[in-house]
Amino acid sequence: YHFNGLPPSGPLLSKLSVIKTGQSEQTNAQDQLNDVAMIIQRRWEGPEDKGYWAYEIALRTKDDNDSKNKQQEILDVEIPATPWRCSFCVQQQVYDMNPPNIDVCCNCHQPLYLCKPTIWVKYEQLGFIPRREINERYSPKIQSLIHTRWPFTVIQYSGSKPPTI
């Protein structure tokens, strides 16, 4: 149980269920994104009642010294058909959008395969470390508090909204 007797949220007594999930979340992350440099923003995707949160993330940019995989990366890059942000520029705190259908960033003038455009992903596609950062930033504070002691848990609330600290 969690009790908050202080205004403006209280007095409120809320029941929390903490379910232990184990550490399997960290071990089966082979197809999840762990190479995230920064989480930029989130937006609601889909209908209001059955949608999900999508997160815009900047992937880590690699050094130019790795020449073995450089040729393969050049071939794998797709030129975005929508406006895009450069991951390298976002890490330098420049959040300008680049126009669609160009393969060079307008700010840093690097080719697309080096600067990597930011992408939108679902929460389930992220690895453990980006999920923890998202939970600390966007989840109710009681959830962040519980996850400091038990990071591999799922918290369910009995009321319509989670309690506040």
Protein backbone atom coordinates (compact mmCIF):
# COMPACT_ATOMS: atom_id res chain seq x y z
CA TYR A 1 0.00 0.00 0.00
CA HIS A 2 1.05 3.56 -0.67
CA PHE A 3 -0.37 6.49 1.29
CA ASN A 4 -0.01 10.10 0.20
CA GLY A 5 -1.60 12.46 2.70
CA LEU A 6 -0.26 15.67 1.22
CA PRO A 7 -2.20 17.99 -1.07
CA PRO A 8 -2.73 18.33 -4.00
CA SER A 9 -2.68 14.56 -4.57
CA GLY A 10 -3.80 13.39 -1.16
CA PRO A 11 -5.12 12.13 1.02
CA LEU A 12 -4.98 8.98 -1.06
CA LEU A 13 -4.42 5.33 -0.19
CA SER A 14 -3.44 3.22 -3.21
CA LYS A 15 -2.80 -0.48 -3.54
CA LEU A 16 0.22 -1.50 -5.63
CA SER A 17 1.03 -4.97 -6.88
CA VAL A 18 4.72 -5.57 -7.51
CA ILE A 19 5.38 -8.61 -9.72
CA LYS A 20 8.90 -9.98 -10.00
CA THR A 21 9.85 -10.85 -13.58
CA GLY A 22 13.41 -12.07 -13.07
CA GLN A 23 16.46 -11.07 -15.06
CA SER A 24 15.36 -12.68 -18.32
CA GLU A 25 14.50 -9.24 -19.66
CA GLN A 26 18.18 -8.42 -19.87
CA THR A 27 19.34 -11.72 -21.39
CA ASN A 28 16.91 -12.01 -24.33
CA ALA A 29 17.77 -8.55 -25.69
CA GLN A 30 19.36 -9.82 -28.88
CA ASP A 31 16.79 -8.12 -31.13
CA GLN A 32 16.34 -5.06 -28.92
CA LEU A 33 18.00 -1.69 -29.34
CA ASN A 34 20.71 -1.06 -26.77
CA ASP A 35 22.86 1.27 -28.86
CA VAL A 36 20.79 4.34 -27.95
CA ALA A 37 22.61 7.62 -27.40
CA MET A 38 19.62 9.77 -26.49
CA ILE A 39 15.85 9.66 -26.13
CA ILE A 40 14.50 12.82 -27.73
CA GLN A 41 10.72 12.77 -27.33
CA ARG A 42 7.64 10.56 -27.25
CA ARG A 43 4.29 10.63 -29.02
CA TRP A 44 1.06 8.63 -28.87
CA GLU A 45 0.54 6.33 -31.87
CA GLY A 46 -2.79 4.84 -32.89
CA PRO A 47 -6.30 5.27 -31.49
CA GLU A 48 -6.77 6.80 -28.06
CA ASP A 49 -7.87 3.62 -26.28
CA LYS A 50 -5.66 1.01 -27.99
CA GLY A 51 -2.57 2.94 -28.98
CA TYR A 52 0.97 2.92 -27.65
CA TRP A 53 3.79 5.33 -26.93
CA ALA A 54 6.49 5.66 -29.57
CA TYR A 55 9.87 7.18 -28.76
CA GLU A 56 12.20 9.09 -31.05
CA ILE A 57 15.73 7.91 -30.34
CA ALA A 58 19.16 8.88 -31.59
CA LEU A 59 21.46 5.95 -32.21
CA ARG A 60 25.12 6.10 -31.28
CA THR A 61 27.32 7.20 -34.14
CA LYS A 62 30.44 5.16 -34.81
CA ASP A 63 33.96 6.41 -35.30
CA ASP A 64 35.17 6.80 -38.87
CA ASN A 65 38.12 4.44 -38.15
CA ASP A 66 36.03 1.26 -38.48
CA SER A 67 36.64 0.77 -42.21
CA LYS A 68 35.64 -2.93 -42.36
CA ASN A 69 31.94 -2.29 -41.87
CA LYS A 70 31.96 1.11 -43.56
CA GLN A 71 31.23 -0.22 -47.04
CA GLN A 72 28.36 -2.39 -45.78
CA GLU A 73 26.87 0.57 -43.86
CA ILE A 74 26.95 2.69 -47.02
CA LEU A 75 24.97 0.03 -48.86
CA ASP A 76 22.49 -0.49 -45.98
CA VAL A 77 21.47 3.16 -45.60
CA GLU A 78 18.01 4.21 -46.78
CA ILE A 79 17.39 7.85 -47.62
CA PRO A 80 14.42 8.99 -45.48
CA ALA A 81 11.29 10.05 -47.35
CA THR A 82 10.17 12.24 -44.45
CA PRO A 83 11.96 15.04 -42.57
CA TRP A 84 14.63 13.62 -40.27
CA ARG A 85 17.06 14.55 -37.52
CA CYS A 86 20.75 13.69 -37.52
CA SER A 87 21.84 11.57 -34.51
CA PHE A 88 25.25 13.25 -34.47
CA CYS A 89 23.69 16.74 -34.37
CA VAL A 90 21.20 15.69 -31.68
CA GLN A 91 24.10 14.57 -29.48
CA GLN A 92 25.52 18.09 -29.97
CA GLN A 93 22.08 19.47 -28.93
CA VAL A 94 21.11 20.69 -32.41
CA TYR A 95 17.53 19.51 -33.01
CA ASP A 96 16.94 20.92 -36.51
CA MET A 97 15.04 18.80 -39.02
CA ASN A 98 16.59 17.94 -42.38
CA PRO A 99 14.39 17.95 -45.49
CA PRO A 100 13.31 14.58 -46.94
CA ASN A 101 15.11 12.73 -49.73
CA ILE A 102 18.61 14.08 -49.08
CA ASP A 103 21.60 11.99 -48.04
CA VAL A 104 23.68 14.67 -46.27
CA CYS A 105 22.89 16.47 -43.02
CA CYS A 106 22.32 20.21 -43.51
CA ASN A 107 23.96 21.09 -40.17
CA CYS A 108 27.08 18.91 -39.85
CA HIS A 109 27.41 18.12 -43.60
CA GLN A 110 28.15 14.45 -42.91
CA PRO A 111 26.80 11.68 -45.15
CA LEU A 112 23.73 9.81 -43.94
CA TYR A 113 25.58 6.56 -43.19
CA LEU A 114 27.78 8.39 -40.65
CA CYS A 115 25.26 10.61 -38.93
CA LYS A 116 22.35 8.10 -38.84
CA PRO A 117 18.84 9.58 -38.79
CA THR A 118 16.81 9.32 -35.60
CA ILE A 119 14.14 6.63 -35.57
CA TRP A 120 10.76 6.08 -33.90
CA VAL A 121 10.41 2.81 -31.96
CA LYS A 122 7.99 1.12 -29.58
CA TYR A 123 8.90 0.62 -25.92
CA GLU A 124 9.11 -3.16 -26.43
CA GLN A 125 11.83 -2.74 -29.08
CA LEU A 126 14.21 -1.05 -26.64
CA GLY A 127 16.78 -2.77 -24.48
CA PHE A 128 17.05 -2.65 -20.68
CA ILE A 129 19.10 0.56 -20.32
CA PRO A 130 16.93 2.77 -22.61
CA ARG A 131 13.79 1.35 -20.93
CA ARG A 132 15.16 2.30 -17.53
CA GLU A 133 15.82 5.85 -18.75
CA ILE A 134 12.30 6.12 -20.17
CA ASN A 135 10.81 4.81 -16.93
CA GLU A 136 12.74 7.37 -14.90
CA ARG A 137 11.67 10.20 -17.18
CA TYR A 138 8.00 9.42 -17.97
CA SER A 139 6.69 6.93 -15.38
CA PRO A 140 5.07 7.87 -12.09
CA LYS A 141 7.70 8.68 -9.46
CA ILE A 142 6.59 5.80 -7.22
CA GLN A 143 7.57 3.42 -10.02
CA SER A 144 11.05 4.96 -10.29
CA LEU A 145 11.42 4.68 -6.54
CA ILE A 146 10.49 0.97 -6.51
CA HIS A 147 12.74 0.24 -9.51
CA THR A 148 15.78 1.58 -7.65
CA ARG A 149 15.51 -1.43 -5.33
CA TRP A 150 13.85 -4.00 -7.64
CA PRO A 151 14.67 -3.12 -11.29
CA PHE A 152 13.14 -6.25 -12.85
CA THR A 153 9.59 -5.79 -11.60
CA VAL A 154 6.24 -4.88 -13.10
CA ILE A 155 3.99 -2.60 -11.06
CA GLN A 156 0.21 -2.74 -11.33
CA TYR A 157 -2.07 -0.13 -9.79
CA SER A 158 -5.49 -0.93 -8.31
CA GLY A 159 -7.01 2.50 -9.03
CA SER A 160 -7.64 4.34 -12.23
CA LYS A 161 -4.47 6.40 -11.90
CA PRO A 162 -1.11 5.69 -10.26
CA PRO A 163 -0.30 7.32 -6.94
CA THR A 164 1.99 10.33 -6.78
CA ILE A 165 4.78 11.07 -4.38
